Amino acid sequence: TAPAPAPALTQTATAEMGAHDPGKPAGDGTGEFDVAPVAKPATPEMIAEGKEVFNGICAHCHGPDAVMGQKRVDLRRLTLRYGDGAHNMFWKAVHEGRPAKGMPTWKDVFTDEQFEQIYAFLSSLQSKE
């Protein structure tokens, strides 16, 4: 069976994040994160591409297929932890990093399309508990 599509952001979350021009970087040009673009609906192709990128790079810290026993880095818990703000939090973390938690910035490594693919893959794995 095909994975379930990634959940769409609610109007509230989208309004809180503001609008984003996908032709421009997510930020104000100063290197500071501004706002994430609205999450794209996930397709099976996006999920497969995201899984490949994730397992090639991100699995080093977050486990293969995002299976990680430590809750603090378990990306299968994004929606439990951040609800409608999960996409925005993901976008902020991958663009700015979380140095205090050991997460480097990836904005100069991946394209925004790859970030959306990774997010689509992670959305397909989200835990309900």
C-alpha atoms as a PDB file:
ATOM      1  CA  THR A   1       0.000   0.000   0.000  1.00  0.00           C
ATOM      2  CA  ALA A   2       1.096   3.537  -0.641  1.00  0.00           C
ATOM      3  CA  PRO A   3       1.968   5.757   2.327  1.00  0.00           C
ATOM      4  CA  ALA A   4      -0.674   8.207   3.451  1.00  0.00           C
ATOM      5  CA  PRO A   5      -0.235  11.746   2.149  1.00  0.00           C
ATOM      6  CA  ALA A   6       1.337  14.264   4.486  1.00  0.00           C
ATOM      7  CA  PRO A   7      -1.166  16.280   6.488  1.00  0.00           C
ATOM      8  CA  ALA A   8      -1.894  19.741   5.134  1.00  0.00           C
ATOM      9  CA  LEU A   9      -1.346  22.743   7.349  1.00  0.00           C
ATOM     10  CA  THR A  10      -4.446  24.304   8.800  1.00  0.00           C
ATOM     11  CA  GLN A  11      -5.426  27.830   7.873  1.00  0.00           C
ATOM     12  CA  THR A  12      -4.480  28.917  11.389  1.00  0.00           C
ATOM     13  CA  ALA A  13      -0.944  27.545  11.118  1.00  0.00           C
ATOM     14  CA  THR A  14      -0.578  29.001   7.637  1.00  0.00           C
ATOM     15  CA  ALA A  15      -1.786  32.399   8.832  1.00  0.00           C
ATOM     16  CA  GLU A  16       0.590  32.306  11.788  1.00  0.00           C
ATOM     17  CA  MET A  17       3.493  31.535   9.466  1.00  0.00           C
ATOM     18  CA  GLY A  18       2.519  34.115   6.877  1.00  0.00           C
ATOM     19  CA  ALA A  19       2.984  33.899   3.145  1.00  0.00           C
ATOM     20  CA  HIS A  20       6.180  32.824   1.449  1.00  0.00           C
ATOM     21  CA  ASP A  21       7.288  33.298  -2.135  1.00  0.00           C
ATOM     22  CA  PRO A  22       8.665  29.885  -3.152  1.00  0.00           C
ATOM     23  CA  GLY A  23      11.051  31.666  -5.523  1.00  0.00           C
ATOM     24  CA  LYS A  24      12.806  33.342  -2.604  1.00  0.00           C
ATOM     25  CA  PRO A  25      14.725  31.817   0.303  1.00  0.00           C
ATOM     26  CA  ALA A  26      12.893  31.378   3.576  1.00  0.00           C
ATOM     27  CA  GLY A  27      14.291  34.338   5.424  1.00  0.00           C
ATOM     28  CA  ASP A  28      14.810  38.049   5.293  1.00  0.00           C
ATOM     29  CA  GLY A  29      18.116  37.916   3.433  1.00  0.00           C
ATOM     30  CA  THR A  30      20.157  38.325   6.605  1.00  0.00           C
ATOM     31  CA  GLY A  31      20.556  34.613   7.167  1.00  0.00           C
ATOM     32  CA  GLU A  32      17.811  34.646   9.789  1.00  0.00           C
ATOM     33  CA  PHE A  33      14.856  32.318   9.332  1.00  0.00           C
ATOM     34  CA  ASP A  34      11.667  34.162   8.600  1.00  0.00           C
ATOM     35  CA  VAL A  35       8.816  31.870   7.676  1.00  0.00           C
ATOM     36  CA  ALA A  36       8.422  28.465   6.077  1.00  0.00           C
ATOM     37  CA  PRO A  37       6.584  28.059   2.808  1.00  0.00           C
ATOM     38  CA  VAL A  38       3.247  26.293   3.027  1.00  0.00           C
ATOM     39  CA  ALA A  39       3.780  22.527   3.064  1.00  0.00           C
ATOM     40  CA  LYS A  40       3.228  20.925  -0.316  1.00  0.00           C
ATOM     41  CA  PRO A  41       0.850  17.966  -0.517  1.00  0.00           C
ATOM     42  CA  ALA A  42       2.985  14.825  -0.402  1.00  0.00           C
ATOM     43  CA  THR A  43       3.055  12.452  -3.323  1.00  0.00           C
ATOM     44  CA  PRO A  44       4.430   8.901  -3.213  1.00  0.00           C
ATOM     45  CA  GLU A  45       7.341  10.136  -5.343  1.00  0.00           C
ATOM     46  CA  MET A  46       8.133  12.951  -2.884  1.00  0.00           C
ATOM     47  CA  ILE A  47       8.038  10.509   0.015  1.00  0.00           C
ATOM     48  CA  ALA A  48      10.369   8.086  -1.779  1.00  0.00           C
ATOM     49  CA  GLU A  49      12.834  10.870  -2.672  1.00  0.00           C
ATOM     50  CA  GLY A  50      12.693  12.207   0.892  1.00  0.00           C
ATOM     51  CA  LYS A  51      13.343   8.750   2.304  1.00  0.00           C
ATOM     52  CA  GLU A  52      16.408   8.345   0.094  1.00  0.00           C
ATOM     53  CA  VAL A  53      17.859  11.722   1.112  1.00  0.00           C
ATOM     54  CA  PHE A  54      16.973  11.199   4.769  1.00  0.00           C
ATOM     55  CA  ASN A  55      18.528   7.734   4.971  1.00  0.00           C
ATOM     56  CA  GLY A  56      21.630   8.942   3.140  1.00  0.00           C
ATOM     57  CA  ILE A  57      22.330  11.914   5.418  1.00  0.00           C
ATOM     58  CA  CYS A  58      19.939  12.388   8.340  1.00  0.00           C
ATOM     59  CA  ALA A  59      19.881   8.771   9.530  1.00  0.00           C
ATOM     60  CA  HIS A  60      23.343   9.255  11.009  1.00  0.00           C
ATOM     61  CA  CYS A  61      21.737  11.113  13.920  1.00  0.00           C
ATOM     62  CA  HIS A  62      18.026  10.358  13.579  1.00  0.00           C
ATOM     63  CA  GLY A  63      18.213   6.623  12.748  1.00  0.00           C
ATOM     64  CA  PRO A  64      17.388   4.725   9.550  1.00  0.00           C
ATOM     65  CA  ASP A  65      13.822   5.514   8.450  1.00  0.00           C
ATOM     66  CA  ALA A  66      13.737   7.965  11.403  1.00  0.00           C
ATOM     67  CA  VAL A  67      13.548   5.097  13.903  1.00  0.00           C
ATOM     68  CA  MET A  68      15.293   6.539  16.949  1.00  0.00           C
ATOM     69  CA  GLY A  69      14.779   5.439  20.518  1.00  0.00           C
ATOM     70  CA  GLN A  70      15.611   8.818  22.037  1.00  0.00           C
ATOM     71  CA  LYS A  71      12.480  10.974  22.117  1.00  0.00           C
ATOM     72  CA  ARG A  72      14.466  14.195  21.792  1.00  0.00           C
ATOM     73  CA  VAL A  73      15.619  13.285  18.265  1.00  0.00           C
ATOM     74  CA  ASP A  74      12.717  11.018  17.238  1.00  0.00           C
ATOM     75  CA  LEU A  75      11.358  12.767  14.165  1.00  0.00           C
ATOM     76  CA  ARG A  76       8.356  10.444  14.094  1.00  0.00           C
ATOM     77  CA  ARG A  77       6.997  12.619  16.908  1.00  0.00           C
ATOM     78  CA  LEU A  78       7.038  16.004  15.129  1.00  0.00           C
ATOM     79  CA  THR A  79       3.272  16.376  14.965  1.00  0.00           C
ATOM     80  CA  LEU A  80       2.851  15.159  18.546  1.00  0.00           C
ATOM     81  CA  ARG A  81       5.387  17.706  19.698  1.00  0.00           C
ATOM     82  CA  TYR A  82       4.498  20.671  17.478  1.00  0.00           C
ATOM     83  CA  GLY A  83       0.983  20.021  16.128  1.00  0.00           C
ATOM     84  CA  ASP A  84       0.088  22.321  13.247  1.00  0.00           C
ATOM     85  CA  GLY A  85       3.454  24.035  13.670  1.00  0.00           C
ATOM     86  CA  ALA A  86       5.443  20.883  12.790  1.00  0.00           C
ATOM     87  CA  HIS A  87       6.254  22.013   9.241  1.00  0.00           C
ATOM     88  CA  ASN A  88       7.385  25.426  10.425  1.00  0.00           C
ATOM     89  CA  MET A  89       9.540  23.890  13.169  1.00  0.00           C
ATOM     90  CA  PHE A  90      11.086  21.423  10.709  1.00  0.00           C
ATOM     91  CA  TRP A  91      11.801  24.234   8.247  1.00  0.00           C
ATOM     92  CA  LYS A  92      13.372  26.393  10.943  1.00  0.00           C
ATOM     93  CA  ALA A  93      15.522  23.533  12.275  1.00  0.00           C
ATOM     94  CA  VAL A  94      16.899  22.532   8.883  1.00  0.00           C
ATOM     95  CA  HIS A  95      17.547  26.127   7.795  1.00  0.00           C
ATOM     96  CA  GLU A  96      18.969  27.542  11.037  1.00  0.00           C
ATOM     97  CA  GLY A  97      20.069  24.357  12.771  1.00  0.00           C
ATOM     98  CA  ARG A  98      19.724  23.846  16.492  1.00  0.00           C
ATOM     99  CA  PRO A  99      23.345  24.210  17.633  1.00  0.00           C
ATOM    100  CA  ALA A 100      22.560  23.797  21.331  1.00  0.00           C
ATOM    101  CA  LYS A 101      21.044  20.395  20.511  1.00  0.00           C
ATOM    102  CA  GLY A 102      23.764  19.340  18.065  1.00  0.00           C
ATOM    103  CA  MET A 103      21.730  19.970  14.886  1.00  0.00           C
ATOM    104  CA  PRO A 104      23.744  21.751  12.173  1.00  0.00           C
ATOM    105  CA  THR A 105      22.224  24.031   9.545  1.00  0.00           C
ATOM    106  CA  TRP A 106      21.512  22.359   6.222  1.00  0.00           C
ATOM    107  CA  LYS A 107      20.336  25.344   4.135  1.00  0.00           C
ATOM    108  CA  ASP A 108      23.542  25.376   2.083  1.00  0.00           C
ATOM    109  CA  VAL A 109      23.480  21.596   1.545  1.00  0.00           C
ATOM    110  CA  PHE A 110      19.911  20.834   0.431  1.00  0.00           C
ATOM    111  CA  THR A 111      17.475  22.594  -1.858  1.00  0.00           C
ATOM    112  CA  ASP A 112      14.050  23.676  -0.651  1.00  0.00           C
ATOM    113  CA  GLU A 113      12.603  20.911  -2.844  1.00  0.00           C
ATOM    114  CA  GLN A 114      14.724  18.334  -1.002  1.00  0.00           C
ATOM    115  CA  PHE A 115      13.575  19.753   2.339  1.00  0.00           C
ATOM    116  CA  GLU A 116       9.953  19.339   1.198  1.00  0.00           C
ATOM    117  CA  GLN A 117      10.693  15.755   0.142  1.00  0.00           C
ATOM    118  CA  ILE A 118      12.270  14.982   3.510  1.00  0.00           C
ATOM    119  CA  TYR A 119       9.308  16.548   5.297  1.00  0.00           C
ATOM    120  CA  ALA A 120       6.893  14.501   3.142  1.00  0.00           C
ATOM    121  CA  PHE A 121       8.771  11.348   4.139  1.00  0.00           C
ATOM    122  CA  LEU A 122       8.752  12.280   7.830  1.00  0.00           C
ATOM    123  CA  SER A 123       5.048  13.155   7.665  1.00  0.00           C
ATOM    124  CA  SER A 124       4.331   9.665   6.391  1.00  0.00           C
ATOM    125  CA  LEU A 125       5.907   8.226   9.568  1.00  0.00           C
ATOM    126  CA  GLN A 126       4.276  10.330  12.263  1.00  0.00           C
ATOM    127  CA  SER A 127       3.341   8.576  15.487  1.00  0.00           C
ATOM    128  CA  LYS A 128      -0.127   8.876  16.967  1.00  0.00           C
ATOM    129  CA  GLU A 129       1.209   8.227  20.498  1.00  0.00           C
END
